[in-house]
Amino acid sequence: MNLKDSFRHVTEYFSPKVIGEVNDVYVKVALINGEKIPWHNHKDEDELFYIVEGSLLFEIEGETPFQMNTGDLFIVKRGINHRVSSTEDCKVMLIENKTTAHTGDVQSEVTRSIEEQLRP
């Protein structure tokens, strides 16, 4: 599998697609552009972000926001309130437990069920 080629299945912003699995973990890709991801956390799961292409503004509640760029990797620990945004298309790979809800307990217009993330 070519990671960059896997983005051909991503047709909507903020809508992750599962491209693989390792044990109890999904490997997902997502396209980010804009500020629609709400503040949220994952009570029981860590989440890994890897920037495949572009730049992403990462915000953690109570901390100074920081920019992630192509090749950068960041792990959000469980329970940490966070959100991401981008002013241009940003391709992101996520590694999350299969139980991780897309936007935690927060429901918004961009929240996707795991069933929606599994569909091509």
PDB file of N, CA and C in Angstrom:
ATOM      1  N   MET A   1       0.844  -1.183   0.000  1.00  0.00           N
ATOM      2  CA  MET A   1       0.000   0.000   0.000  1.00  0.00           C
ATOM      3  C   MET A   1       0.881   1.235   0.000  1.00  0.00           C
ATOM      4  N   ASN A   2       0.487   2.219  -0.767  1.00  0.00           N
ATOM      5  CA  ASN A   2       1.169   3.503  -0.757  1.00  0.00           C
ATOM      6  C   ASN A   2       0.310   4.474   0.040  1.00  0.00           C
ATOM      7  N   LEU A   3       0.886   5.053   1.099  1.00  0.00           N
ATOM      8  CA  LEU A   3       0.130   5.913   2.003  1.00  0.00           C
ATOM      9  C   LEU A   3      -0.511   7.090   1.267  1.00  0.00           C
ATOM     10  N   LYS A   4       0.245   7.765   0.424  1.00  0.00           N
ATOM     11  CA  LYS A   4      -0.310   8.926  -0.290  1.00  0.00           C
ATOM     12  C   LYS A   4      -1.440   8.510  -1.230  1.00  0.00           C
ATOM     13  N   ASP A   5      -1.326   7.345  -1.869  1.00  0.00           N
ATOM     14  CA  ASP A   5      -2.378   6.862  -2.762  1.00  0.00           C
ATOM     15  C   ASP A   5      -3.670   6.546  -2.008  1.00  0.00           C
ATOM     16  N   SER A   6      -3.570   6.226  -0.726  1.00  0.00           N
ATOM     17  CA  SER A   6      -4.762   5.866   0.051  1.00  0.00           C
ATOM     18  C   SER A   6      -5.727   7.038   0.210  1.00  0.00           C
ATOM     19  N   PHE A   7      -5.267   8.252  -0.041  1.00  0.00           N
ATOM     20  CA  PHE A   7      -6.139   9.425   0.081  1.00  0.00           C
ATOM     21  C   PHE A   7      -7.160   9.512  -1.051  1.00  0.00           C
ATOM     22  N   ARG A   8      -7.021   8.685  -2.076  1.00  0.00           N
ATOM     23  CA  ARG A   8      -7.998   8.724  -3.172  1.00  0.00           C
ATOM     24  C   ARG A   8      -9.384   8.305  -2.681  1.00  0.00           C
ATOM     25  N   HIS A   9      -9.461   7.611  -1.541  1.00  0.00           N
ATOM     26  CA  HIS A   9     -10.743   7.194  -0.967  1.00  0.00           C
ATOM     27  C   HIS A   9     -11.363   8.280  -0.090  1.00  0.00           C
ATOM     28  N   VAL A  10     -10.635   9.340   0.163  1.00  0.00           N
ATOM     29  CA  VAL A  10     -11.130  10.412   1.027  1.00  0.00           C
ATOM     30  C   VAL A  10     -11.787  11.465   0.141  1.00  0.00           C
ATOM     31  N   THR A  11     -13.108  11.580   0.267  1.00  0.00           N
ATOM     32  CA  THR A  11     -13.850  12.502  -0.591  1.00  0.00           C
ATOM     33  C   THR A  11     -14.423  13.690   0.167  1.00  0.00           C
ATOM     34  N   GLU A  12     -14.356  13.652   1.511  1.00  0.00           N
ATOM     35  CA  GLU A  12     -14.884  14.739   2.326  1.00  0.00           C
ATOM     36  C   GLU A  12     -13.833  15.178   3.340  1.00  0.00           C
ATOM     37  N   TYR A  13     -13.834  16.479   3.639  1.00  0.00           N
ATOM     38  CA  TYR A  13     -12.981  16.973   4.716  1.00  0.00           C
ATOM     39  C   TYR A  13     -13.496  16.446   6.052  1.00  0.00           C
ATOM     40  N   PHE A  14     -12.585  16.259   6.996  1.00  0.00           N
ATOM     41  CA  PHE A  14     -12.894  15.861   8.376  1.00  0.00           C
ATOM     42  C   PHE A  14     -13.570  14.499   8.469  1.00  0.00           C
ATOM     43  N   SER A  15     -13.434  13.664   7.468  1.00  0.00           N
ATOM     44  CA  SER A  15     -14.106  12.370   7.447  1.00  0.00           C
ATOM     45  C   SER A  15     -13.078  11.249   7.277  1.00  0.00           C
ATOM     46  N   PRO A  16     -12.487  10.779   8.384  1.00  0.00           N
ATOM     47  CA  PRO A  16     -11.435   9.762   8.304  1.00  0.00           C
ATOM     48  C   PRO A  16     -11.909   8.481   7.620  1.00  0.00           C
ATOM     49  N   LYS A  17     -10.984   7.829   6.942  1.00  0.00           N
ATOM     50  CA  LYS A  17     -11.241   6.534   6.319  1.00  0.00           C
ATOM     51  C   LYS A  17     -10.219   5.522   6.833  1.00  0.00           C
ATOM     52  N   VAL A  18     -10.705   4.371   7.235  1.00  0.00           N
ATOM     53  CA  VAL A  18      -9.833   3.294   7.707  1.00  0.00           C
ATOM     54  C   VAL A  18      -9.135   2.674   6.505  1.00  0.00           C
ATOM     55  N   ILE A  19      -7.793   2.602   6.581  1.00  0.00           N
ATOM     56  CA  ILE A  19      -7.027   1.997   5.481  1.00  0.00           C
ATOM     57  C   ILE A  19      -6.329   0.707   5.909  1.00  0.00           C
ATOM     58  N   GLY A  20      -6.394   0.408   7.211  1.00  0.00           N
ATOM     59  CA  GLY A  20      -5.771  -0.815   7.696  1.00  0.00           C
ATOM     60  C   GLY A  20      -6.014  -0.987   9.178  1.00  0.00           C
ATOM     61  N   GLU A  21      -5.608  -2.144   9.675  1.00  0.00           N
ATOM     62  CA  GLU A  21      -5.728  -2.397  11.103  1.00  0.00           C
ATOM     63  C   GLU A  21      -4.578  -3.262  11.575  1.00  0.00           C
ATOM     64  N   VAL A  22      -4.172  -3.009  12.806  1.00  0.00           N
ATOM     65  CA  VAL A  22      -3.125  -3.779  13.460  1.00  0.00           C
ATOM     66  C   VAL A  22      -3.664  -4.126  14.843  1.00  0.00           C
ATOM     67  N   ASN A  23      -3.923  -5.392  15.077  1.00  0.00           N
ATOM     68  CA  ASN A  23      -4.507  -5.840  16.343  1.00  0.00           C
ATOM     69  C   ASN A  23      -5.780  -5.053  16.637  1.00  0.00           C
ATOM     70  N   ASP A  24      -5.836  -4.309  17.724  1.00  0.00           N
ATOM     71  CA  ASP A  24      -7.031  -3.545  18.102  1.00  0.00           C
ATOM     72  C   ASP A  24      -6.931  -2.070  17.721  1.00  0.00           C
ATOM     73  N   VAL A  25      -6.147  -1.771  16.694  1.00  0.00           N
ATOM     74  CA  VAL A  25      -5.895  -0.390  16.296  1.00  0.00           C
ATOM     75  C   VAL A  25      -6.236  -0.204  14.817  1.00  0.00           C
ATOM     76  N   TYR A  26      -6.879   0.917  14.508  1.00  0.00           N
ATOM     77  CA  TYR A  26      -7.129   1.287  13.112  1.00  0.00           C
ATOM     78  C   TYR A  26      -6.081   2.284  12.647  1.00  0.00           C
ATOM     79  N   VAL A  27      -5.683   2.159  11.391  1.00  0.00           N
ATOM     80  CA  VAL A  27      -4.869   3.156  10.714  1.00  0.00           C
ATOM     81  C   VAL A  27      -5.834   3.869   9.778  1.00  0.00           C
ATOM     82  N   LYS A  28      -5.906   5.216   9.918  1.00  0.00           N
ATOM     83  CA  LYS A  28      -6.867   6.002   9.153  1.00  0.00           C
ATOM     84  C   LYS A  28      -6.157   7.137   8.428  1.00  0.00           C
ATOM     85  N   VAL A  29      -6.791   7.631   7.378  1.00  0.00           N
ATOM     86  CA  VAL A  29      -6.335   8.847   6.721  1.00  0.00           C
ATOM     87  C   VAL A  29      -7.494   9.835   6.693  1.00  0.00           C
ATOM     88  N   ALA A  30      -7.153  11.123   6.751  1.00  0.00           N
ATOM     89  CA  ALA A  30      -8.170  12.175   6.719  1.00  0.00           C
ATOM     90  C   ALA A  30      -7.618  13.402   6.019  1.00  0.00           C
ATOM     91  N   LEU A  31      -8.516  14.159   5.445  1.00  0.00           N
ATOM     92  CA  LEU A  31      -8.174  15.422   4.805  1.00  0.00           C
ATOM     93  C   LEU A  31      -8.790  16.532   5.657  1.00  0.00           C
ATOM     94  N   ILE A  32      -7.947  17.465   6.092  1.00  0.00           N
ATOM     95  CA  ILE A  32      -8.381  18.564   6.958  1.00  0.00           C
ATOM     96  C   ILE A  32      -8.232  19.884   6.207  1.00  0.00           C
ATOM     97  N   ASN A  33      -9.278  20.702   6.258  1.00  0.00           N
ATOM     98  CA  ASN A  33      -9.221  22.062   5.731  1.00  0.00           C
ATOM     99  C   ASN A  33     -10.355  22.838   6.400  1.00  0.00           C
ATOM    100  N   GLY A  34     -10.003  23.802   7.221  1.00  0.00           N
ATOM    101  CA  GLY A  34     -10.990  24.582   7.944  1.00  0.00           C
ATOM    102  C   GLY A  34     -10.898  24.349   9.444  1.00  0.00           C
ATOM    103  N   GLU A  35     -11.945  24.804  10.137  1.00  0.00           N
ATOM    104  CA  GLU A  35     -11.938  24.783  11.610  1.00  0.00           C
ATOM    105  C   GLU A  35     -13.147  24.066  12.189  1.00  0.00           C
ATOM    106  N   LYS A  36     -13.644  23.034  11.534  1.00  0.00           N
ATOM    107  CA  LYS A  36     -14.882  22.400  11.985  1.00  0.00           C
ATOM    108  C   LYS A  36     -14.714  21.345  13.073  1.00  0.00           C
ATOM    109  N   ILE A  37     -13.502  20.903  13.328  1.00  0.00           N
ATOM    110  CA  ILE A  37     -13.307  19.899  14.376  1.00  0.00           C
ATOM    111  C   ILE A  37     -13.527  20.579  15.728  1.00  0.00           C
ATOM    112  N   PRO A  38     -14.472  20.084  16.531  1.00  0.00           N
ATOM    113  CA  PRO A  38     -14.742  20.722  17.831  1.00  0.00           C
ATOM    114  C   PRO A  38     -13.704  20.324  18.882  1.00  0.00           C
ATOM    115  N   TRP A  39     -13.637  21.114  19.943  1.00  0.00           N
ATOM    116  CA  TRP A  39     -12.837  20.698  21.096  1.00  0.00           C
ATOM    117  C   TRP A  39     -13.399  19.365  21.573  1.00  0.00           C
ATOM    118  N   HIS A  40     -12.513  18.408  21.813  1.00  0.00           N
ATOM    119  CA  HIS A  40     -12.946  17.092  22.288  1.00  0.00           C
ATOM    120  C   HIS A  40     -11.768  16.365  22.912  1.00  0.00           C
ATOM    121  N   ASN A  41     -12.060  15.237  23.530  1.00  0.00           N
ATOM    122  CA  ASN A  41     -10.998  14.362  24.029  1.00  0.00           C
ATOM    123  C   ASN A  41     -11.464  12.925  23.906  1.00  0.00           C
ATOM    124  N   HIS A  42     -10.530  12.036  24.101  1.00  0.00           N
ATOM    125  CA  HIS A  42     -10.813  10.607  24.071  1.00  0.00           C
ATOM    126  C   HIS A  42     -10.470  10.090  25.465  1.00  0.00           C
ATOM    127  N   LYS A  43     -11.504   9.865  26.240  1.00  0.00           N
ATOM    128  CA  LYS A  43     -11.363   9.575  27.664  1.00  0.00           C
ATOM    129  C   LYS A  43     -10.402   8.420  27.962  1.00  0.00           C
ATOM    130  N   ASP A  44     -10.449   7.371  27.148  1.00  0.00           N
ATOM    131  CA  ASP A  44      -9.680   6.164  27.459  1.00  0.00           C
ATOM    132  C   ASP A  44      -8.624   5.792  26.428  1.00  0.00           C
ATOM    133  N   GLU A  45      -8.428   6.635  25.401  1.00  0.00           N
ATOM    134  CA  GLU A  45      -7.515   6.247  24.328  1.00  0.00           C
ATOM    135  C   GLU A  45      -6.564   7.371  23.931  1.00  0.00           C
ATOM    136  N   ASP A  46      -5.326   6.996  23.632  1.00  0.00           N
ATOM    137  CA  ASP A  46      -4.368   7.916  23.026  1.00  0.00           C
ATOM    138  C   ASP A  46      -4.665   7.963  21.527  1.00  0.00           C
ATOM    139  N   GLU A  47      -4.147   8.996  20.853  1.00  0.00           N
ATOM    140  CA  GLU A  47      -4.380   9.168  19.417  1.00  0.00           C
ATOM    141  C   GLU A  47      -3.096   9.692  18.781  1.00  0.00           C
ATOM    142  N   LEU A  48      -2.672   9.071  17.678  1.00  0.00           N
ATOM    143  CA  LEU A  48      -1.455   9.485  16.993  1.00  0.00           C
ATOM    144  C   LEU A  48      -1.814  10.224  15.709  1.00  0.00           C
ATOM    145  N   PHE A  49      -1.181  11.386  15.496  1.00  0.00           N
ATOM    146  CA  PHE A  49      -1.325  12.183  14.283  1.00  0.00           C
ATOM    147  C   PHE A  49       0.017  12.182  13.557  1.00  0.00           C
ATOM    148  N   TYR A  50      -0.005  11.891  12.260  1.00  0.00           N
ATOM    149  CA  TYR A  50       1.181  11.989  11.422  1.00  0.00           C
ATOM    150  C   TYR A  50       0.800  12.822  10.200  1.00  0.00           C
ATOM    151  N   ILE A  51       1.542  13.887   9.938  1.00  0.00           N
ATOM    152  CA  ILE A  51       1.229  14.769   8.809  1.00  0.00           C
ATOM    153  C   ILE A  51       1.897  14.212   7.552  1.00  0.00           C
ATOM    154  N   VAL A  52       1.073  13.728   6.642  1.00  0.00           N
ATOM    155  CA  VAL A  52       1.551  13.152   5.390  1.00  0.00           C
ATOM    156  C   VAL A  52       1.909  14.265   4.409  1.00  0.00           C
ATOM    157  N   GLU A  53       1.069  15.310   4.398  1.00  0.00           N
ATOM    158  CA  GLU A  53       1.308  16.425   3.477  1.00  0.00           C
ATOM    159  C   GLU A  53       0.559  17.656   3.980  1.00  0.00           C
ATOM    160  N   GLY A  54       1.230  18.796   4.034  1.00  0.00           N
ATOM    161  CA  GLY A  54       0.588  20.039   4.438  1.00  0.00           C
ATOM    162  C   GLY A  54       0.953  20.458   5.851  1.00  0.00           C
ATOM    163  N   SER A  55       0.120  21.340   6.401  1.00  0.00           N
ATOM    164  CA  SER A  55       0.336  21.866   7.751  1.00  0.00           C
ATOM    165  C   SER A  55      -0.959  21.822   8.535  1.00  0.00           C
ATOM    166  N   LEU A  56      -0.843  21.620   9.831  1.00  0.00           N
ATOM    167  CA  LEU A  56      -1.990  21.484  10.719  1.00  0.00           C
ATOM    168  C   LEU A  56      -1.745  22.308  11.972  1.00  0.00           C
ATOM    169  N   LEU A  57      -2.727  23.114  12.351  1.00  0.00           N
ATOM    170  CA  LEU A  57      -2.652  23.828  13.626  1.00  0.00           C
ATOM    171  C   LEU A  57      -3.218  22.907  14.687  1.00  0.00           C
ATOM    172  N   PHE A  58      -2.430  22.635  15.718  1.00  0.00           N
ATOM    173  CA  PHE A  58      -2.839  21.728  16.795  1.00  0.00           C
ATOM    174  C   PHE A  58      -3.031  22.552  18.056  1.00  0.00           C
ATOM    175  N   GLU A  59      -4.202  22.414  18.659  1.00  0.00           N
ATOM    176  CA  GLU A  59      -4.500  23.134  19.884  1.00  0.00           C
ATOM    177  C   GLU A  59      -4.793  22.144  21.005  1.00  0.00           C
ATOM    178  N   ILE A  60      -4.168  22.384  22.134  1.00  0.00           N
ATOM    179  CA  ILE A  60      -4.413  21.613  23.348  1.00  0.00           C
ATOM    180  C   ILE A  60      -4.870  22.609  24.398  1.00  0.00           C
ATOM    181  N   GLU A  61      -5.976  22.304  25.037  1.00  0.00           N
ATOM    182  CA  GLU A  61      -6.551  23.229  26.010  1.00  0.00           C
ATOM    183  C   GLU A  61      -5.530  23.638  27.065  1.00  0.00           C
ATOM    184  N   GLY A  62      -5.388  24.966  27.260  1.00  0.00           N
ATOM    185  CA  GLY A  62      -4.487  25.496  28.269  1.00  0.00           C
ATOM    186  C   GLY A  62      -3.040  25.611  27.840  1.00  0.00           C
ATOM    187  N   GLU A  63      -2.741  25.243  26.600  1.00  0.00           N
ATOM    188  CA  GLU A  63      -1.362  25.315  26.101  1.00  0.00           C
ATOM    189  C   GLU A  63      -1.296  26.193  24.860  1.00  0.00           C
ATOM    190  N   THR A  64      -0.105  26.600  24.499  1.00  0.00           N
ATOM    191  CA  THR A  64       0.101  27.402  23.295  1.00  0.00           C
ATOM    192  C   THR A  64      -0.098  26.521  22.064  1.00  0.00           C
ATOM    193  N   PRO A  65      -0.945  26.940  21.099  1.00  0.00           N
ATOM    194  CA  PRO A  65      -1.126  26.156  19.874  1.00  0.00           C
ATOM    195  C   PRO A  65       0.207  25.991  19.137  1.00  0.00           C
ATOM    196  N   PHE A  66       0.338  24.930  18.387  1.00  0.00           N
ATOM    197  CA  PHE A  66       1.559  24.706  17.620  1.00  0.00           C
ATOM    198  C   PHE A  66       1.224  24.181  16.235  1.00  0.00           C
ATOM    199  N   GLN A  67       2.141  24.433  15.298  1.00  0.00           N
ATOM    200  CA  GLN A  67       1.985  24.031  13.909  1.00  0.00           C
ATOM    201  C   GLN A  67       2.691  22.700  13.686  1.00  0.00           C
ATOM    202  N   MET A  68       2.003  21.779  13.029  1.00  0.00           N
ATOM    203  CA  MET A  68       2.618  20.533  12.591  1.00  0.00           C
ATOM    204  C   MET A  68       2.758  20.610  11.075  1.00  0.00           C
ATOM    205  N   ASN A  69       3.874  20.104  10.550  1.00  0.00           N
ATOM    206  CA  ASN A  69       4.149  20.140   9.118  1.00  0.00           C
ATOM    207  C   ASN A  69       4.448  18.746   8.591  1.00  0.00           C
ATOM    208  N   THR A  70       4.520  18.621   7.287  1.00  0.00           N
ATOM    209  CA  THR A  70       4.792  17.333   6.646  1.00  0.00           C
ATOM    210  C   THR A  70       5.905  16.583   7.376  1.00  0.00           C
ATOM    211  N   GLY A  71       5.630  15.336   7.721  1.00  0.00           N
ATOM    212  CA  GLY A  71       6.609  14.496   8.400  1.00  0.00           C
ATOM    213  C   GLY A  71       6.532  14.549   9.917  1.00  0.00           C
ATOM    214  N   ASP A  72       5.794  15.508  10.484  1.00  0.00           N
ATOM    215  CA  ASP A  72       5.679  15.614  11.946  1.00  0.00           C
ATOM    216  C   ASP A  72       4.701  14.579  12.490  1.00  0.00           C
ATOM    217  N   LEU A  73       4.973  14.152  13.705  1.00  0.00           N
ATOM    218  CA  LEU A  73       4.159  13.162  14.401  1.00  0.00           C
ATOM    219  C   LEU A  73       3.890  13.676  15.809  1.00  0.00           C
ATOM    220  N   PHE A  74       2.657  13.474  16.291  1.00  0.00           N
ATOM    221  CA  PHE A  74       2.314  13.894  17.650  1.00  0.00           C
ATOM    222  C   PHE A  74       1.316  12.906  18.230  1.00  0.00           C
ATOM    223  N   ILE A  75       1.501  12.574  19.500  1.00  0.00           N
ATOM    224  CA  ILE A  75       0.583  11.675  20.202  1.00  0.00           C
ATOM    225  C   ILE A  75      -0.166  12.467  21.259  1.00  0.00           C
ATOM    226  N   VAL A  76      -1.495  12.456  21.152  1.00  0.00           N
ATOM    227  CA  VAL A  76      -2.358  13.086  22.148  1.00  0.00           C
ATOM    228  C   VAL A  76      -2.702  12.017  23.175  1.00  0.00           C
ATOM    229  N   LYS A  77      -2.374  12.273  24.406  1.00  0.00           N
ATOM    230  CA  LYS A  77      -2.669  11.310  25.469  1.00  0.00           C
ATOM    231  C   LYS A  77      -4.154  11.329  25.813  1.00  0.00           C
ATOM    232  N   ARG A  78      -4.650  10.232  26.279  1.00  0.00           N
ATOM    233  CA  ARG A  78      -6.057  10.097  26.648  1.00  0.00           C
ATOM    234  C   ARG A  78      -6.482  11.202  27.616  1.00  0.00           C
ATOM    235  N   GLY A  79      -7.708  11.671  27.430  1.00  0.00           N
ATOM    236  CA  GLY A  79      -8.279  12.663  28.320  1.00  0.00           C
ATOM    237  C   GLY A  79      -7.870  14.104  28.055  1.00  0.00           C
ATOM    238  N   ILE A  80      -6.969  14.341  27.096  1.00  0.00           N
ATOM    239  CA  ILE A  80      -6.491  15.698  26.803  1.00  0.00           C
ATOM    240  C   ILE A  80      -7.435  16.367  25.794  1.00  0.00           C
ATOM    241  N   ASN A  81      -8.010  17.503  26.174  1.00  0.00           N
ATOM    242  CA  ASN A  81      -8.910  18.244  25.297  1.00  0.00           C
ATOM    243  C   ASN A  81      -8.099  18.884  24.160  1.00  0.00           C
ATOM    244  N   HIS A  82      -8.516  18.643  22.929  1.00  0.00           N
ATOM    245  CA  HIS A  82      -7.758  19.131  21.778  1.00  0.00           C
ATOM    246  C   HIS A  82      -8.672  19.385  20.583  1.00  0.00           C
ATOM    247  N   ARG A  83      -8.130  20.087  19.603  1.00  0.00           N
ATOM    248  CA  ARG A  83      -8.779  20.254  18.306  1.00  0.00           C
ATOM    249  C   ARG A  83      -7.695  20.598  17.285  1.00  0.00           C
ATOM    250  N   VAL A  84      -8.025  20.370  16.013  1.00  0.00           N
ATOM    251  CA  VAL A  84      -7.082  20.655  14.930  1.00  0.00           C
ATOM    252  C   VAL A  84      -7.792  21.453  13.846  1.00  0.00           C
ATOM    253  N   SER A  85      -6.993  22.206  13.076  1.00  0.00           N
ATOM    254  CA  SER A  85      -7.538  22.955  11.949  1.00  0.00           C
ATOM    255  C   SER A  85      -6.422  23.196  10.937  1.00  0.00           C
ATOM    256  N   SER A  86      -6.826  23.639   9.752  1.00  0.00           N
ATOM    257  CA  SER A  86      -5.850  23.938   8.709  1.00  0.00           C
ATOM    258  C   SER A  86      -6.443  24.973   7.761  1.00  0.00           C
ATOM    259  N   THR A  87      -5.594  25.866   7.249  1.00  0.00           N
ATOM    260  CA  THR A  87      -6.067  26.878   6.310  1.00  0.00           C
ATOM    261  C   THR A  87      -5.967  26.396   4.862  1.00  0.00           C
ATOM    262  N   GLU A  88      -5.262  25.298   4.633  1.00  0.00           N
ATOM    263  CA  GLU A  88      -5.158  24.672   3.313  1.00  0.00           C
ATOM    264  C   GLU A  88      -5.279  23.171   3.494  1.00  0.00           C
ATOM    265  N   ASP A  89      -5.457  22.429   2.410  1.00  0.00           N
ATOM    266  CA  ASP A  89      -5.584  20.979   2.515  1.00  0.00           C
ATOM    267  C   ASP A  89      -4.398  20.377   3.262  1.00  0.00           C
ATOM    268  N   CYS A  90      -4.708  19.559   4.249  1.00  0.00           N
ATOM    269  CA  CYS A  90      -3.682  18.852   5.018  1.00  0.00           C
ATOM    270  C   CYS A  90      -4.068  17.380   5.067  1.00  0.00           C
ATOM    271  N   LYS A  91      -3.157  16.521   4.655  1.00  0.00           N
ATOM    272  CA  LYS A  91      -3.381  15.078   4.674  1.00  0.00           C
ATOM    273  C   LYS A  91      -2.763  14.505   5.941  1.00  0.00           C
ATOM    274  N   VAL A  92      -3.589  13.806   6.708  1.00  0.00           N
ATOM    275  CA  VAL A  92      -3.183  13.302   8.020  1.00  0.00           C
ATOM    276  C   VAL A  92      -3.413  11.794   8.098  1.00  0.00           C
ATOM    277  N   MET A  93      -2.467  11.092   8.719  1.00  0.00           N
ATOM    278  CA  MET A  93      -2.676   9.696   9.072  1.00  0.00           C
ATOM    279  C   MET A  93      -2.919   9.659  10.577  1.00  0.00           C
ATOM    280  N   LEU A  94      -3.931   8.899  10.988  1.00  0.00           N
ATOM    281  CA  LEU A  94      -4.268   8.737  12.400  1.00  0.00           C
ATOM    282  C   LEU A  94      -4.112   7.276  12.776  1.00  0.00           C
ATOM    283  N   ILE A  95      -3.628   7.043  13.976  1.00  0.00           N
ATOM    284  CA  ILE A  95      -3.595   5.692  14.515  1.00  0.00           C
ATOM    285  C   ILE A  95      -4.357   5.743  15.830  1.00  0.00           C
ATOM    286  N   GLU A  96      -5.457   4.978  15.877  1.00  0.00           N
ATOM    287  CA  GLU A  96      -6.369   5.033  17.021  1.00  0.00           C
ATOM    288  C   GLU A  96      -6.875   3.638  17.365  1.00  0.00           C
ATOM    289  N   ASN A  97      -7.195   3.435  18.631  1.00  0.00           N
ATOM    290  CA  ASN A  97      -7.862   2.195  19.024  1.00  0.00           C
ATOM    291  C   ASN A  97      -9.168   2.077  18.245  1.00  0.00           C
ATOM    292  N   LYS A  98      -9.616   0.868  18.009  1.00  0.00           N
ATOM    293  CA  LYS A  98     -10.870   0.664  17.297  1.00  0.00           C
ATOM    294  C   LYS A  98     -12.058   1.246  18.055  1.00  0.00           C
ATOM    295  N   THR A  99     -11.910   1.442  19.338  1.00  0.00           N
ATOM    296  CA  THR A  99     -12.996   1.988  20.156  1.00  0.00           C
ATOM    297  C   THR A  99     -13.023   3.514  20.187  1.00  0.00           C
ATOM    298  N   THR A 100     -12.046   4.169  19.577  1.00  0.00           N
ATOM    299  CA  THR A 100     -11.956   5.632  19.638  1.00  0.00           C
ATOM    300  C   THR A 100     -13.058   6.288  18.822  1.00  0.00           C
ATOM    301  N   ALA A 101     -13.869   7.114  19.489  1.00  0.00           N
ATOM    302  CA  ALA A 101     -14.913   7.876  18.792  1.00  0.00           C
ATOM    303  C   ALA A 101     -14.264   9.074  18.101  1.00  0.00           C
ATOM    304  N   HIS A 102     -14.671   9.330  16.879  1.00  0.00           N
ATOM    305  CA  HIS A 102     -14.066  10.369  16.029  1.00  0.00           C
ATOM    306  C   HIS A 102     -13.895  11.702  16.751  1.00  0.00           C
ATOM    307  N   THR A 103     -14.939  12.205  17.384  1.00  0.00           N
ATOM    308  CA  THR A 103     -14.854  13.476  18.110  1.00  0.00           C
ATOM    309  C   THR A 103     -15.182  13.277  19.586  1.00  0.00           C
ATOM    310  N   GLY A 104     -14.726  12.163  20.131  1.00  0.00           N
ATOM    311  CA  GLY A 104     -14.968  11.879  21.546  1.00  0.00           C
ATOM    312  C   GLY A 104     -16.457  11.825  21.830  1.00  0.00           C
ATOM    313  N   ASP A 105     -16.868  12.407  22.958  1.00  0.00           N
ATOM    314  CA  ASP A 105     -18.281  12.439  23.335  1.00  0.00           C
ATOM    315  C   ASP A 105     -19.016  13.613  22.698  1.00  0.00           C
ATOM    316  N   VAL A 106     -18.306  14.447  21.945  1.00  0.00           N
ATOM    317  CA  VAL A 106     -18.897  15.631  21.326  1.00  0.00           C
ATOM    318  C   VAL A 106     -19.463  15.254  19.955  1.00  0.00           C
ATOM    319  N   GLN A 107     -20.728  15.566  19.738  1.00  0.00           N
ATOM    320  CA  GLN A 107     -21.355  15.340  18.434  1.00  0.00           C
ATOM    321  C   GLN A 107     -21.391  16.662  17.683  1.00  0.00           C
ATOM    322  N   SER A 108     -20.947  16.644  16.422  1.00  0.00           N
ATOM    323  CA  SER A 108     -20.964  17.849  15.600  1.00  0.00           C
ATOM    324  C   SER A 108     -21.254  17.453  14.160  1.00  0.00           C
ATOM    325  N   GLU A 109     -21.320  18.441  13.289  1.00  0.00           N
ATOM    326  CA  GLU A 109     -21.614  18.163  11.878  1.00  0.00           C
ATOM    327  C   GLU A 109     -20.542  17.297  11.210  1.00  0.00           C
ATOM    328  N   VAL A 110     -19.347  17.226  11.781  1.00  0.00           N
ATOM    329  CA  VAL A 110     -18.270  16.435  11.168  1.00  0.00           C
ATOM    330  C   VAL A 110     -18.069  15.080  11.837  1.00  0.00           C
ATOM    331  N   THR A 111     -18.818  14.790  12.900  1.00  0.00           N
ATOM    332  CA  THR A 111     -18.674  13.505  13.593  1.00  0.00           C
ATOM    333  C   THR A 111     -19.057  12.373  12.647  1.00  0.00           C
ATOM    334  N   ARG A 112     -18.222  11.355  12.568  1.00  0.00           N
ATOM    335  CA  ARG A 112     -18.472  10.188  11.719  1.00  0.00           C
ATOM    336  C   ARG A 112     -18.410   8.923  12.570  1.00  0.00           C
ATOM    337  N   SER A 113     -19.351   8.037  12.363  1.00  0.00           N
ATOM    338  CA  SER A 113     -19.353   6.741  13.059  1.00  0.00           C
ATOM    339  C   SER A 113     -18.239   5.883  12.479  1.00  0.00           C
ATOM    340  N   ILE A 114     -17.884   4.826  13.185  1.00  0.00           N
ATOM    341  CA  ILE A 114     -16.852   3.932  12.662  1.00  0.00           C
ATOM    342  C   ILE A 114     -17.355   3.255  11.385  1.00  0.00           C
ATOM    343  N   GLU A 115     -18.656   2.999  11.288  1.00  0.00           N
ATOM    344  CA  GLU A 115     -19.207   2.397  10.080  1.00  0.00           C
ATOM    345  C   GLU A 115     -18.978   3.318   8.866  1.00  0.00           C
ATOM    346  N   GLU A 116     -19.154   4.628   9.068  1.00  0.00           N
ATOM    347  CA  GLU A 116     -18.910   5.578   7.976  1.00  0.00           C
ATOM    348  C   GLU A 116     -17.419   5.629   7.631  1.00  0.00           C
ATOM    349  N   GLN A 117     -16.556   5.453   8.626  1.00  0.00           N
ATOM    350  CA  GLN A 117     -15.122   5.489   8.383  1.00  0.00           C
ATOM    351  C   GLN A 117     -14.626   4.233   7.686  1.00  0.00           C
ATOM    352  N   LEU A 118     -15.359   3.144   7.809  1.00  0.00           N
ATOM    353  CA  LEU A 118     -14.978   1.883   7.166  1.00  0.00           C
ATOM    354  C   LEU A 118     -15.403   1.800   5.705  1.00  0.00           C
ATOM    355  N   ARG A 119     -16.394   2.598   5.317  1.00  0.00           N
ATOM    356  CA  ARG A 119     -16.878   2.580   3.925  1.00  0.00           C
ATOM    357  C   ARG A 119     -15.899   3.309   3.007  1.00  0.00           C
ATOM    358  N   PRO A 120     -15.640   2.711   1.825  1.00  0.00           N
ATOM    359  CA  PRO A 120     -14.754   3.384   0.866  1.00  0.00           C
ATOM    360  C   PRO A 120     -15.353   4.664   0.306  1.00  0.00           C
TER     361      PRO A 120
END
